[in-house]
Amino acid sequence: MFLHLGGGVSVRLSDVLYIQDFAQTKASADNRRFWEQLRQKNSVRDLSLGKPRSLILTHFGVYLSGISSATLKKRSELSF
């Protein structure tokens, strides 16, 4: 099954490691550090046109989506 992230991009559900509300990347020092490490080590693909609502970590990269993490969760549950 696939999960549509927006911007014409879909990824296999089995490749998704983590989905987070993007606002949480600034919620604590640990989250800020985690986000900085992701940005430095991975190419981040912004599908949100500069207005990210969720961060999706996959086996193959990091995506920023304009779709909320709650909606992505619902979509993933509907796929099964």
Protein backbone atom coordinates (compact mmCIF):
# COMPACT_ATOMS: atom_id res chain seq x y z
CA MET A 1 0.00 0.00 0.00
CA PHE A 2 1.02 3.59 -0.60
CA LEU A 3 0.59 6.82 1.32
CA HIS A 4 0.05 10.04 -0.65
CA LEU A 5 2.09 12.87 0.91
CA GLY A 6 1.00 15.67 -1.41
CA GLY A 7 2.81 17.30 -4.28
CA GLY A 8 2.23 14.25 -6.43
CA VAL A 9 4.39 12.07 -4.18
CA SER A 10 3.40 8.73 -2.70
CA VAL A 11 5.57 6.38 -0.64
CA ARG A 12 5.15 2.78 0.39
CA LEU A 13 3.66 2.51 3.85
CA SER A 14 6.29 -0.08 4.69
CA ASP A 15 9.00 2.57 4.05
CA VAL A 16 7.52 5.09 6.49
CA LEU A 17 9.44 5.15 9.77
CA TYR A 18 7.98 8.20 11.45
CA ILE A 19 5.35 10.91 10.98
CA GLN A 20 5.42 14.01 13.17
CA ASP A 21 3.47 17.24 13.38
CA PHE A 22 5.95 19.79 12.03
CA ALA A 23 5.18 22.28 14.81
CA GLN A 24 6.65 19.76 17.25
CA THR A 25 10.10 20.13 15.68
CA LYS A 26 10.47 23.30 17.77
CA ALA A 27 8.69 22.09 20.91
CA SER A 28 11.78 20.99 22.84
CA ALA A 29 15.56 21.03 22.67
CA ASP A 30 15.59 17.32 21.79
CA ASN A 31 13.15 17.85 18.91
CA ARG A 32 15.16 20.82 17.60
CA ARG A 33 18.34 18.74 17.74
CA PHE A 34 16.60 15.82 15.96
CA TRP A 35 15.36 18.15 13.20
CA GLU A 36 18.80 19.71 12.74
CA GLN A 37 20.40 16.26 12.42
CA LEU A 38 17.81 15.25 9.81
CA ARG A 39 18.47 18.41 7.81
CA GLN A 40 22.24 17.92 7.93
CA LYS A 41 22.33 14.19 7.15
CA ASN A 42 19.45 13.90 4.69
CA SER A 43 18.14 15.79 1.76
CA VAL A 44 14.79 17.13 2.89
CA ARG A 45 12.18 17.26 0.16
CA ASP A 46 9.65 20.04 0.74
CA LEU A 47 6.30 19.08 -0.78
CA SER A 48 4.47 21.75 1.22
CA LEU A 49 5.40 24.81 -0.85
CA GLY A 50 7.04 26.32 2.23
CA LYS A 51 4.13 25.67 4.62
CA PRO A 52 4.92 22.31 6.24
CA ARG A 53 2.35 20.70 8.51
CA SER A 54 4.06 17.33 8.92
CA LEU A 55 7.47 15.70 8.73
CA ILE A 56 7.72 12.20 7.29
CA LEU A 57 10.87 10.13 7.77
CA THR A 58 11.25 7.16 5.43
CA HIS A 59 13.98 4.65 4.67
CA PHE A 60 14.85 6.76 1.63
CA GLY A 61 14.59 10.36 2.83
CA VAL A 62 12.76 13.06 4.70
CA TYR A 63 9.64 14.81 3.40
CA LEU A 64 7.80 17.91 4.53
CA SER A 65 4.13 17.75 3.67
CA GLY A 66 1.38 20.35 3.67
CA ILE A 67 -0.97 17.59 4.86
CA SER A 68 -1.45 17.29 8.61
CA SER A 69 0.01 14.33 10.48
CA ALA A 70 -3.51 13.40 11.67
CA THR A 71 -4.75 13.19 8.08
CA LEU A 72 -1.74 11.12 7.02
CA LYS A 73 -2.41 8.76 9.94
CA LYS A 74 -6.04 8.37 8.87
CA ARG A 75 -4.98 7.71 5.29
CA SER A 76 -2.54 5.04 6.42
CA GLU A 77 -5.23 3.32 8.47
CA LEU A 78 -7.67 3.35 5.54
CA SER A 79 -5.10 1.57 3.42
CA PHE A 80 -5.37 -1.58 5.51
